[in-house]
């Protein structure tokens, strides 16, 4: 494992779809995949990014004065322009702006600070049987930080879930698994060429790590993000079921229908949304897939 400055982009309390019961979800910055349907684009980059919301800018120039890198200037129409090549994402503009026109996509943090945020939800965890989920981005990109958080949560008897793409060194995955109670594990596409086309990476390591986790005795719930015409065919699901058939420890399967809720986030970041043409499977087809999965003997839900 190696040292990376701990960076997250959100802590969500009272989370109901990130593992069993009521949870606190901590979202880590950085992801090695680039899925066309990603709905957390602010988590893709491992570094903090500063975005400017032009419709909020009042042209006061306070941020221009505050920027130590001289990365900002007032444009001809009175709003602020940012030179990304000079910007170091120090956050001075965020602090200086009276109109909240600058936002940071994430922040550097510590184990102590994250644990304090998790502890605020302890009454909900304790009464519901929930706990904490580490998500992203990809939490395995910050293994030292993740491991320290998992160990501290273990000492406090907080149930620990890791939501992962599985794209990391197998040794890292198994080290993290020793301190994890449940994995939410993405299986996007079984065909390697199509997996590479839609996510940017091969799936060989992902599949190998899933098998390694299961055979080492760890609890895993498989999650399949479903996109119409991409990975929702009955043959796609049969391929998943065939792979899972002889793996122990699979507690169930969650089908996650595509949604375009990340579209506004891409606009805020000044990026084109790569999932513009994507759609979710219709309800009739979803029901057919549910029947296919239950028929193979797996517990299944829609939405997780």
C-alpha atoms as a PDB file:
ATOM      1  CA  UNK A   1       0.000   0.000   0.000  1.00  0.00           C
ATOM      2  CA  UNK A   2       1.086   3.583  -0.505  1.00  0.00           C
ATOM      3  CA  UNK A   3       0.341   6.979   0.983  1.00  0.00           C
ATOM      4  CA  UNK A   4      -2.149   9.329  -0.634  1.00  0.00           C
ATOM      5  CA  UNK A   5      -3.515  12.444   1.073  1.00  0.00           C
ATOM      6  CA  UNK A   6      -6.997  11.321   2.235  1.00  0.00           C
ATOM      7  CA  UNK A   7      -9.593  13.009   0.045  1.00  0.00           C
ATOM      8  CA  UNK A   8     -13.367  12.567   0.012  1.00  0.00           C
ATOM      9  CA  UNK A   9     -16.193  14.415  -1.734  1.00  0.00           C
ATOM     10  CA  UNK A  10     -19.251  13.687   0.406  1.00  0.00           C
ATOM     11  CA  UNK A  11     -20.517  12.174   3.630  1.00  0.00           C
ATOM     12  CA  UNK A  12     -24.168  11.160   3.364  1.00  0.00           C
ATOM     13  CA  UNK A  13     -26.138  10.488   6.513  1.00  0.00           C
ATOM     14  CA  UNK A  14     -29.288   8.375   6.696  1.00  0.00           C
ATOM     15  CA  UNK A  15     -28.380   6.495   3.512  1.00  0.00           C
ATOM     16  CA  UNK A  16     -30.922   3.793   2.631  1.00  0.00           C
ATOM     17  CA  UNK A  17     -29.514   2.263  -0.578  1.00  0.00           C
ATOM     18  CA  UNK A  18     -25.827   1.698   0.241  1.00  0.00           C
ATOM     19  CA  UNK A  19     -26.034  -1.558   2.144  1.00  0.00           C
ATOM     20  CA  UNK A  20     -28.254  -3.039   4.837  1.00  0.00           C
ATOM     21  CA  UNK A  21     -30.518  -0.752   6.886  1.00  0.00           C
ATOM     22  CA  UNK A  22     -29.682   2.897   7.721  1.00  0.00           C
ATOM     23  CA  UNK A  23     -26.094   3.842   6.944  1.00  0.00           C
ATOM     24  CA  UNK A  24     -23.574   6.640   6.729  1.00  0.00           C
ATOM     25  CA  UNK A  25     -21.902   6.651   3.310  1.00  0.00           C
ATOM     26  CA  UNK A  26     -18.443   8.155   2.877  1.00  0.00           C
ATOM     27  CA  UNK A  27     -17.549   8.921  -0.742  1.00  0.00           C
ATOM     28  CA  UNK A  28     -13.851   8.710  -1.658  1.00  0.00           C
ATOM     29  CA  UNK A  29     -12.309  10.784  -4.453  1.00  0.00           C
ATOM     30  CA  UNK A  30     -10.793   9.060  -7.481  1.00  0.00           C
ATOM     31  CA  UNK A  31     -11.865   6.170  -9.704  1.00  0.00           C
ATOM     32  CA  UNK A  32      -9.850   4.044 -12.170  1.00  0.00           C
ATOM     33  CA  UNK A  33     -12.953   3.454 -14.327  1.00  0.00           C
ATOM     34  CA  UNK A  34     -14.740   5.898 -16.625  1.00  0.00           C
ATOM     35  CA  UNK A  35     -18.206   4.364 -16.982  1.00  0.00           C
ATOM     36  CA  UNK A  36     -20.456   6.119 -19.474  1.00  0.00           C
ATOM     37  CA  UNK A  37     -23.309   6.062 -16.938  1.00  0.00           C
ATOM     38  CA  UNK A  38     -21.338   7.381 -13.943  1.00  0.00           C
ATOM     39  CA  UNK A  39     -23.573   9.570 -11.773  1.00  0.00           C
ATOM     40  CA  UNK A  40     -20.797  10.820  -9.479  1.00  0.00           C
ATOM     41  CA  UNK A  41     -18.419  12.606 -11.888  1.00  0.00           C
ATOM     42  CA  UNK A  42     -17.085  14.714  -9.017  1.00  0.00           C
ATOM     43  CA  UNK A  43     -15.566  11.487  -7.698  1.00  0.00           C
ATOM     44  CA  UNK A  44     -13.655  10.529 -10.843  1.00  0.00           C
ATOM     45  CA  UNK A  45     -10.562  12.676 -10.296  1.00  0.00           C
ATOM     46  CA  UNK A  46      -8.419  11.829  -7.260  1.00  0.00           C
ATOM     47  CA  UNK A  47      -7.630  15.512  -6.789  1.00  0.00           C
ATOM     48  CA  UNK A  48      -9.799  18.372  -5.623  1.00  0.00           C
ATOM     49  CA  UNK A  49     -11.241  20.498  -8.423  1.00  0.00           C
ATOM     50  CA  UNK A  50     -12.681  23.997  -8.143  1.00  0.00           C
ATOM     51  CA  UNK A  51     -15.726  24.806 -10.254  1.00  0.00           C
ATOM     52  CA  UNK A  52     -17.213  28.233 -10.895  1.00  0.00           C
ATOM     53  CA  UNK A  53     -20.979  28.668 -11.132  1.00  0.00           C
ATOM     54  CA  UNK A  54     -21.190  31.585 -13.521  1.00  0.00           C
ATOM     55  CA  UNK A  55     -24.818  32.382 -12.831  1.00  0.00           C
ATOM     56  CA  UNK A  56     -23.915  33.121  -9.198  1.00  0.00           C
ATOM     57  CA  UNK A  57     -20.928  35.364  -9.919  1.00  0.00           C
ATOM     58  CA  UNK A  58     -21.545  39.033  -9.058  1.00  0.00           C
ATOM     59  CA  UNK A  59     -18.252  40.264 -10.511  1.00  0.00           C
ATOM     60  CA  UNK A  60     -16.929  41.684  -7.225  1.00  0.00           C
ATOM     61  CA  UNK A  61     -13.375  40.507  -7.889  1.00  0.00           C
ATOM     62  CA  UNK A  62     -12.730  39.299  -4.321  1.00  0.00           C
ATOM     63  CA  UNK A  63     -11.655  35.886  -5.608  1.00  0.00           C
ATOM     64  CA  UNK A  64      -9.262  37.441  -8.131  1.00  0.00           C
ATOM     65  CA  UNK A  65      -7.504  39.288  -5.319  1.00  0.00           C
ATOM     66  CA  UNK A  66      -7.484  36.211  -3.049  1.00  0.00           C
ATOM     67  CA  UNK A  67      -5.979  33.792  -5.592  1.00  0.00           C
ATOM     68  CA  UNK A  68      -2.244  33.293  -4.825  1.00  0.00           C
ATOM     69  CA  UNK A  69      -1.629  31.715  -8.254  1.00  0.00           C
ATOM     70  CA  UNK A  70      -3.244  34.539 -10.258  1.00  0.00           C
ATOM     71  CA  UNK A  71      -5.391  31.892 -11.912  1.00  0.00           C
ATOM     72  CA  UNK A  72      -8.519  34.076 -11.930  1.00  0.00           C
ATOM     73  CA  UNK A  73      -9.404  37.193 -13.841  1.00  0.00           C
ATOM     74  CA  UNK A  74     -12.518  39.280 -14.365  1.00  0.00           C
ATOM     75  CA  UNK A  75     -13.818  38.841 -17.885  1.00  0.00           C
ATOM     76  CA  UNK A  76     -15.232  41.504 -20.214  1.00  0.00           C
ATOM     77  CA  UNK A  77     -18.798  40.723 -19.133  1.00  0.00           C
ATOM     78  CA  UNK A  78     -17.945  41.059 -15.447  1.00  0.00           C
ATOM     79  CA  UNK A  79     -17.868  37.378 -14.512  1.00  0.00           C
ATOM     80  CA  UNK A  80     -14.802  35.421 -13.452  1.00  0.00           C
ATOM     81  CA  UNK A  81     -12.676  33.250 -15.732  1.00  0.00           C
ATOM     82  CA  UNK A  82     -10.346  30.546 -14.389  1.00  0.00           C
ATOM     83  CA  UNK A  83      -7.045  29.445 -15.934  1.00  0.00           C
ATOM     84  CA  UNK A  84      -7.070  25.748 -15.059  1.00  0.00           C
ATOM     85  CA  UNK A  85      -3.370  25.434 -15.924  1.00  0.00           C
ATOM     86  CA  UNK A  86      -2.508  27.829 -13.089  1.00  0.00           C
ATOM     87  CA  UNK A  87      -5.165  26.726 -10.581  1.00  0.00           C
ATOM     88  CA  UNK A  88      -3.855  24.544  -7.728  1.00  0.00           C
ATOM     89  CA  UNK A  89      -7.294  24.056  -6.135  1.00  0.00           C
ATOM     90  CA  UNK A  90      -6.109  25.712  -2.936  1.00  0.00           C
ATOM     91  CA  UNK A  91      -9.652  26.849  -2.156  1.00  0.00           C
ATOM     92  CA  UNK A  92      -8.892  30.523  -1.442  1.00  0.00           C
ATOM     93  CA  UNK A  93     -11.473  31.616  -4.009  1.00  0.00           C
ATOM     94  CA  UNK A  94     -14.101  29.430  -2.346  1.00  0.00           C
ATOM     95  CA  UNK A  95     -13.399  31.106   0.993  1.00  0.00           C
ATOM     96  CA  UNK A  96     -13.340  34.626  -0.465  1.00  0.00           C
ATOM     97  CA  UNK A  97     -16.479  34.560  -2.612  1.00  0.00           C
ATOM     98  CA  UNK A  98     -19.489  36.251  -0.928  1.00  0.00           C
ATOM     99  CA  UNK A  99     -21.874  34.868  -3.575  1.00  0.00           C
ATOM    100  CA  UNK A 100     -20.790  31.202  -3.235  1.00  0.00           C
ATOM    101  CA  UNK A 101     -19.927  31.150  -6.921  1.00  0.00           C
ATOM    102  CA  UNK A 102     -16.916  28.844  -6.429  1.00  0.00           C
ATOM    103  CA  UNK A 103     -17.236  25.276  -5.148  1.00  0.00           C
ATOM    104  CA  UNK A 104     -14.632  22.646  -4.313  1.00  0.00           C
ATOM    105  CA  UNK A 105     -15.337  19.068  -5.436  1.00  0.00           C
ATOM    106  CA  UNK A 106     -14.145  17.404  -2.278  1.00  0.00           C
ATOM    107  CA  UNK A 107     -11.814  18.082   0.613  1.00  0.00           C
ATOM    108  CA  UNK A 108      -8.772  16.637   2.325  1.00  0.00           C
ATOM    109  CA  UNK A 109      -9.597  15.024   5.626  1.00  0.00           C
ATOM    110  CA  UNK A 110      -8.451  12.753   8.451  1.00  0.00           C
ATOM    111  CA  UNK A 111      -9.561   9.526  10.074  1.00  0.00           C
ATOM    112  CA  UNK A 112     -10.601  11.490  13.165  1.00  0.00           C
ATOM    113  CA  UNK A 113     -12.812  13.862  11.171  1.00  0.00           C
ATOM    114  CA  UNK A 114     -14.533  11.080   9.228  1.00  0.00           C
ATOM    115  CA  UNK A 115     -15.127   8.988  12.341  1.00  0.00           C
ATOM    116  CA  UNK A 116     -16.685  12.027  14.033  1.00  0.00           C
ATOM    117  CA  UNK A 117     -19.110  12.386  11.106  1.00  0.00           C
ATOM    118  CA  UNK A 118     -19.978   8.676  11.234  1.00  0.00           C
ATOM    119  CA  UNK A 119     -20.576   8.801  14.981  1.00  0.00           C
ATOM    120  CA  UNK A 120     -23.308  11.415  14.499  1.00  0.00           C
ATOM    121  CA  UNK A 121     -25.443   8.675  12.909  1.00  0.00           C
ATOM    122  CA  UNK A 122     -24.756   6.032  15.574  1.00  0.00           C
ATOM    123  CA  UNK A 123     -28.335   6.169  16.975  1.00  0.00           C
ATOM    124  CA  UNK A 124     -29.681   5.271  13.502  1.00  0.00           C
ATOM    125  CA  UNK A 125     -27.075   2.530  13.034  1.00  0.00           C
ATOM    126  CA  UNK A 126     -27.750   0.994  16.428  1.00  0.00           C
ATOM    127  CA  UNK A 127     -31.544   0.975  16.204  1.00  0.00           C
ATOM    128  CA  UNK A 128     -31.717  -0.280  12.599  1.00  0.00           C
ATOM    129  CA  UNK A 129     -28.748  -2.636  12.420  1.00  0.00           C
ATOM    130  CA  UNK A 130     -27.019  -0.405   9.871  1.00  0.00           C
ATOM    131  CA  UNK A 131     -23.512   1.010   9.819  1.00  0.00           C
ATOM    132  CA  UNK A 132     -21.030   2.730   7.528  1.00  0.00           C
ATOM    133  CA  UNK A 133     -20.428   2.266   3.801  1.00  0.00           C
ATOM    134  CA  UNK A 134     -17.251   3.427   2.091  1.00  0.00           C
ATOM    135  CA  UNK A 135     -17.980   4.255  -1.541  1.00  0.00           C
ATOM    136  CA  UNK A 136     -16.765   6.617  -4.232  1.00  0.00           C
ATOM    137  CA  UNK A 137     -15.221   7.040  -6.639  1.00  0.00           C
ATOM    138  CA  UNK A 138     -13.310   3.935  -5.676  1.00  0.00           C
ATOM    139  CA  UNK A 139     -12.284   3.597  -2.012  1.00  0.00           C
ATOM    140  CA  UNK A 140      -9.604   1.034  -2.855  1.00  0.00           C
ATOM    141  CA  UNK A 141      -7.597   3.820  -4.539  1.00  0.00           C
ATOM    142  CA  UNK A 142      -6.888   5.132  -1.012  1.00  0.00           C
ATOM    143  CA  UNK A 143      -6.120   1.818   0.714  1.00  0.00           C
ATOM    144  CA  UNK A 144      -4.178   3.117   3.729  1.00  0.00           C
ATOM    145  CA  UNK A 145      -6.892   5.617   4.605  1.00  0.00           C
ATOM    146  CA  UNK A 146      -9.645   3.070   3.997  1.00  0.00           C
ATOM    147  CA  UNK A 147      -7.919   0.447   6.148  1.00  0.00           C
ATOM    148  CA  UNK A 148      -7.439   2.905   9.020  1.00  0.00           C
ATOM    149  CA  UNK A 149     -11.127   3.862   8.896  1.00  0.00           C
ATOM    150  CA  UNK A 150     -12.241   0.234   8.776  1.00  0.00           C
ATOM    151  CA  UNK A 151     -10.055  -0.663  11.742  1.00  0.00           C
ATOM    152  CA  UNK A 152     -11.355   2.243  13.819  1.00  0.00           C
ATOM    153  CA  UNK A 153     -14.962   1.388  12.939  1.00  0.00           C
ATOM    154  CA  UNK A 154     -14.231  -2.202  13.949  1.00  0.00           C
ATOM    155  CA  UNK A 155     -12.959  -1.051  17.333  1.00  0.00           C
ATOM    156  CA  UNK A 156     -16.213   0.885  17.754  1.00  0.00           C
ATOM    157  CA  UNK A 157     -18.304  -2.119  16.629  1.00  0.00           C
ATOM    158  CA  UNK A 158     -19.751  -0.274  13.629  1.00  0.00           C
ATOM    159  CA  UNK A 159     -20.823  -2.543  10.748  1.00  0.00           C
ATOM    160  CA  UNK A 160     -18.489  -1.933   7.792  1.00  0.00           C
ATOM    161  CA  UNK A 161     -19.395  -2.152   4.096  1.00  0.00           C
ATOM    162  CA  UNK A 162     -17.129  -1.364   1.140  1.00  0.00           C
ATOM    163  CA  UNK A 163     -18.787  -0.466  -2.176  1.00  0.00           C
ATOM    164  CA  UNK A 164     -16.221  -1.188  -4.895  1.00  0.00           C
ATOM    165  CA  UNK A 165     -15.547  -1.722  -8.571  1.00  0.00           C
ATOM    166  CA  UNK A 166     -13.068  -4.423  -7.566  1.00  0.00           C
ATOM    167  CA  UNK A 167     -10.389  -2.891  -9.799  1.00  0.00           C
ATOM    168  CA  UNK A 168      -7.343  -2.997  -7.515  1.00  0.00           C
ATOM    169  CA  UNK A 169      -4.414  -5.277  -6.707  1.00  0.00           C
ATOM    170  CA  UNK A 170      -5.647  -8.564  -5.277  1.00  0.00           C
ATOM    171  CA  UNK A 171      -3.351  -8.223  -2.251  1.00  0.00           C
ATOM    172  CA  UNK A 172      -4.936  -4.844  -1.495  1.00  0.00           C
ATOM    173  CA  UNK A 173      -8.451  -6.236  -1.827  1.00  0.00           C
ATOM    174  CA  UNK A 174      -7.729  -9.122   0.564  1.00  0.00           C
ATOM    175  CA  UNK A 175      -6.025  -6.842   3.108  1.00  0.00           C
ATOM    176  CA  UNK A 176      -9.074  -4.579   3.117  1.00  0.00           C
ATOM    177  CA  UNK A 177     -11.369  -7.618   3.278  1.00  0.00           C
ATOM    178  CA  UNK A 178      -9.891  -8.656   6.634  1.00  0.00           C
ATOM    179  CA  UNK A 179     -11.475  -5.512   8.131  1.00  0.00           C
ATOM    180  CA  UNK A 180     -14.722  -5.499   6.120  1.00  0.00           C
ATOM    181  CA  UNK A 181     -18.051  -7.083   7.042  1.00  0.00           C
ATOM    182  CA  UNK A 182     -19.706  -6.846   3.611  1.00  0.00           C
ATOM    183  CA  UNK A 183     -18.715  -5.934   0.067  1.00  0.00           C
ATOM    184  CA  UNK A 184     -21.064  -4.312  -2.434  1.00  0.00           C
ATOM    185  CA  UNK A 185     -19.323  -5.446  -5.601  1.00  0.00           C
ATOM    186  CA  UNK A 186     -20.041  -4.058  -9.076  1.00  0.00           C
ATOM    187  CA  UNK A 187     -20.326  -6.509 -11.952  1.00  0.00           C
ATOM    188  CA  UNK A 188     -20.999  -4.355 -14.981  1.00  0.00           C
ATOM    189  CA  UNK A 189     -20.420  -6.460 -18.103  1.00  0.00           C
ATOM    190  CA  UNK A 190     -19.059  -9.996 -18.401  1.00  0.00           C
ATOM    191  CA  UNK A 191     -17.823  -9.627 -21.987  1.00  0.00           C
ATOM    192  CA  UNK A 192     -14.338  -8.126 -21.680  1.00  0.00           C
ATOM    193  CA  UNK A 193     -14.335  -6.166 -24.939  1.00  0.00           C
ATOM    194  CA  UNK A 194     -17.658  -4.493 -24.145  1.00  0.00           C
ATOM    195  CA  UNK A 195     -16.559  -3.903 -20.557  1.00  0.00           C
ATOM    196  CA  UNK A 196     -13.501  -2.060 -21.849  1.00  0.00           C
ATOM    197  CA  UNK A 197     -15.630  -0.056 -24.288  1.00  0.00           C
ATOM    198  CA  UNK A 198     -18.105   1.163 -21.670  1.00  0.00           C
ATOM    199  CA  UNK A 199     -15.880   1.477 -18.578  1.00  0.00           C
ATOM    200  CA  UNK A 200     -12.370   2.052 -19.939  1.00  0.00           C
ATOM    201  CA  UNK A 201     -10.785  -1.008 -18.271  1.00  0.00           C
ATOM    202  CA  UNK A 202     -10.576  -4.788 -18.679  1.00  0.00           C
ATOM    203  CA  UNK A 203     -12.689  -6.910 -16.350  1.00  0.00           C
ATOM    204  CA  UNK A 204     -10.195  -9.746 -15.791  1.00  0.00           C
ATOM    205  CA  UNK A 205      -8.852  -8.334 -12.509  1.00  0.00           C
ATOM    206  CA  UNK A 206     -12.374  -7.464 -11.330  1.00  0.00           C
ATOM    207  CA  UNK A 207     -13.591 -11.034 -11.854  1.00  0.00           C
ATOM    208  CA  UNK A 208     -10.463 -12.543 -10.312  1.00  0.00           C
ATOM    209  CA  UNK A 209     -10.818 -10.371  -7.215  1.00  0.00           C
ATOM    210  CA  UNK A 210     -14.471 -11.294  -6.783  1.00  0.00           C
ATOM    211  CA  UNK A 211     -13.592 -14.971  -6.907  1.00  0.00           C
ATOM    212  CA  UNK A 212     -10.707 -14.441  -4.471  1.00  0.00           C
ATOM    213  CA  UNK A 213     -12.973 -12.639  -1.981  1.00  0.00           C
ATOM    214  CA  UNK A 214     -15.633 -15.314  -2.094  1.00  0.00           C
ATOM    215  CA  UNK A 215     -13.222 -18.213  -1.817  1.00  0.00           C
ATOM    216  CA  UNK A 216     -11.504 -16.528   1.139  1.00  0.00           C
ATOM    217  CA  UNK A 217     -14.824 -16.610   2.983  1.00  0.00           C
ATOM    218  CA  UNK A 218     -15.958 -12.998   2.699  1.00  0.00           C
ATOM    219  CA  UNK A 219     -19.550 -11.800   2.323  1.00  0.00           C
ATOM    220  CA  UNK A 220     -20.355 -10.156  -1.027  1.00  0.00           C
ATOM    221  CA  UNK A 221     -23.486  -8.642  -2.500  1.00  0.00           C
ATOM    222  CA  UNK A 222     -23.207  -8.235  -6.283  1.00  0.00           C
ATOM    223  CA  UNK A 223     -24.548  -5.067  -7.884  1.00  0.00           C
ATOM    224  CA  UNK A 224     -25.352  -4.820 -11.585  1.00  0.00           C
ATOM    225  CA  UNK A 225     -25.970  -1.335 -13.027  1.00  0.00           C
ATOM    226  CA  UNK A 226     -28.427  -2.032 -15.850  1.00  0.00           C
ATOM    227  CA  UNK A 227     -28.385   0.023 -19.046  1.00  0.00           C
ATOM    228  CA  UNK A 228     -30.796  -0.778 -21.878  1.00  0.00           C
ATOM    229  CA  UNK A 229     -29.023  -2.292 -24.870  1.00  0.00           C
ATOM    230  CA  UNK A 230     -25.662  -2.301 -23.075  1.00  0.00           C
ATOM    231  CA  UNK A 231     -25.751  -5.028 -20.437  1.00  0.00           C
ATOM    232  CA  UNK A 232     -29.430  -5.855 -19.815  1.00  0.00           C
ATOM    233  CA  UNK A 233     -29.791  -8.784 -22.202  1.00  0.00           C
ATOM    234  CA  UNK A 234     -30.840 -12.139 -20.803  1.00  0.00           C
ATOM    235  CA  UNK A 235     -27.568 -13.557 -22.118  1.00  0.00           C
ATOM    236  CA  UNK A 236     -25.683 -10.878 -20.136  1.00  0.00           C
ATOM    237  CA  UNK A 237     -27.442 -11.888 -16.938  1.00  0.00           C
ATOM    238  CA  UNK A 238     -26.996 -15.596 -17.620  1.00  0.00           C
ATOM    239  CA  UNK A 239     -23.256 -14.979 -18.006  1.00  0.00           C
ATOM    240  CA  UNK A 240     -23.190 -13.282 -14.595  1.00  0.00           C
ATOM    241  CA  UNK A 241     -25.151 -16.120 -13.009  1.00  0.00           C
ATOM    242  CA  UNK A 242     -22.854 -18.726 -14.545  1.00  0.00           C
ATOM    243  CA  UNK A 243     -19.820 -16.956 -13.083  1.00  0.00           C
ATOM    244  CA  UNK A 244     -21.416 -16.664  -9.634  1.00  0.00           C
ATOM    245  CA  UNK A 245     -22.797 -20.197  -9.594  1.00  0.00           C
ATOM    246  CA  UNK A 246     -19.864 -21.874  -7.855  1.00  0.00           C
ATOM    247  CA  UNK A 247     -18.796 -18.924  -5.687  1.00  0.00           C
ATOM    248  CA  UNK A 248     -19.597 -19.094  -1.959  1.00  0.00           C
ATOM    249  CA  UNK A 249     -20.541 -16.029   0.069  1.00  0.00           C
ATOM    250  CA  UNK A 250     -22.807 -14.260  -2.449  1.00  0.00           C
ATOM    251  CA  UNK A 251     -25.550 -12.827  -0.211  1.00  0.00           C
ATOM    252  CA  UNK A 252     -27.663 -11.521  -3.086  1.00  0.00           C
ATOM    253  CA  UNK A 253     -27.810  -9.455  -6.268  1.00  0.00           C
ATOM    254  CA  UNK A 254     -28.966  -5.849  -6.664  1.00  0.00           C
ATOM    255  CA  UNK A 255     -30.163  -4.624 -10.054  1.00  0.00           C
ATOM    256  CA  UNK A 256     -29.532  -0.888 -10.393  1.00  0.00           C
ATOM    257  CA  UNK A 257     -31.483   0.567 -13.351  1.00  0.00           C
ATOM    258  CA  UNK A 258     -29.738   3.404 -15.163  1.00  0.00           C
ATOM    259  CA  UNK A 259     -30.730   6.924 -14.184  1.00  0.00           C
ATOM    260  CA  UNK A 260     -29.506  10.246 -15.513  1.00  0.00           C
ATOM    261  CA  UNK A 261     -29.291  12.074 -12.193  1.00  0.00           C
ATOM    262  CA  UNK A 262     -25.613  12.871 -12.786  1.00  0.00           C
ATOM    263  CA  UNK A 263     -26.380  15.027 -15.838  1.00  0.00           C
ATOM    264  CA  UNK A 264     -26.526  18.263 -13.828  1.00  0.00           C
ATOM    265  CA  UNK A 265     -23.245  17.423 -12.100  1.00  0.00           C
ATOM    266  CA  UNK A 266     -21.468  17.148 -15.449  1.00  0.00           C
ATOM    267  CA  UNK A 267     -22.837  20.557 -16.442  1.00  0.00           C
ATOM    268  CA  UNK A 268     -21.589  22.068 -13.198  1.00  0.00           C
ATOM    269  CA  UNK A 269     -18.125  20.599 -13.858  1.00  0.00           C
ATOM    270  CA  UNK A 270     -18.166  21.989 -17.402  1.00  0.00           C
ATOM    271  CA  UNK A 271     -18.060  18.517 -18.978  1.00  0.00           C
ATOM    272  CA  UNK A 272     -20.144  16.801 -21.610  1.00  0.00           C
ATOM    273  CA  UNK A 273     -22.336  14.040 -20.220  1.00  0.00           C
ATOM    274  CA  UNK A 274     -21.213  10.757 -21.858  1.00  0.00           C
ATOM    275  CA  UNK A 275     -24.441   8.956 -20.996  1.00  0.00           C
ATOM    276  CA  UNK A 276     -26.766  11.238 -22.956  1.00  0.00           C
ATOM    277  CA  UNK A 277     -28.057   8.453 -25.205  1.00  0.00           C
ATOM    278  CA  UNK A 278     -28.442   5.838 -22.456  1.00  0.00           C
ATOM    279  CA  UNK A 279     -31.761   4.643 -21.048  1.00  0.00           C
ATOM    280  CA  UNK A 280     -33.030   2.257 -18.379  1.00  0.00           C
ATOM    281  CA  UNK A 281     -34.658  -1.101 -19.151  1.00  0.00           C
ATOM    282  CA  UNK A 282     -38.462  -1.005 -18.997  1.00  0.00           C
ATOM    283  CA  UNK A 283     -40.317  -2.539 -16.075  1.00  0.00           C
ATOM    284  CA  UNK A 284     -41.502  -5.606 -17.972  1.00  0.00           C
ATOM    285  CA  UNK A 285     -37.948  -6.472 -18.949  1.00  0.00           C
ATOM    286  CA  UNK A 286     -36.733  -5.840 -15.382  1.00  0.00           C
ATOM    287  CA  UNK A 287     -39.337  -8.307 -14.111  1.00  0.00           C
ATOM    288  CA  UNK A 288     -38.118 -10.898 -16.600  1.00  0.00           C
ATOM    289  CA  UNK A 289     -34.557 -10.455 -15.329  1.00  0.00           C
ATOM    290  CA  UNK A 290     -35.765 -10.763 -11.734  1.00  0.00           C
ATOM    291  CA  UNK A 291     -37.388 -14.080 -12.620  1.00  0.00           C
ATOM    292  CA  UNK A 292     -34.205 -15.276 -14.303  1.00  0.00           C
ATOM    293  CA  UNK A 293     -32.114 -14.497 -11.226  1.00  0.00           C
ATOM    294  CA  UNK A 294     -34.511 -15.932  -8.650  1.00  0.00           C
ATOM    295  CA  UNK A 295     -34.837 -19.010 -10.817  1.00  0.00           C
ATOM    296  CA  UNK A 296     -31.082 -19.502 -10.459  1.00  0.00           C
ATOM    297  CA  UNK A 297     -31.452 -19.471  -6.671  1.00  0.00           C
ATOM    298  CA  UNK A 298     -30.222 -15.969  -5.831  1.00  0.00           C
ATOM    299  CA  UNK A 299     -31.961 -13.398  -3.649  1.00  0.00           C
ATOM    300  CA  UNK A 300     -32.449 -10.271  -5.781  1.00  0.00           C
ATOM    301  CA  UNK A 301     -33.693  -6.697  -5.361  1.00  0.00           C
ATOM    302  CA  UNK A 302     -34.081  -3.614  -7.526  1.00  0.00           C
ATOM    303  CA  UNK A 303     -32.201  -0.585  -6.294  1.00  0.00           C
ATOM    304  CA  UNK A 304     -30.172  -2.172  -3.495  1.00  0.00           C
END
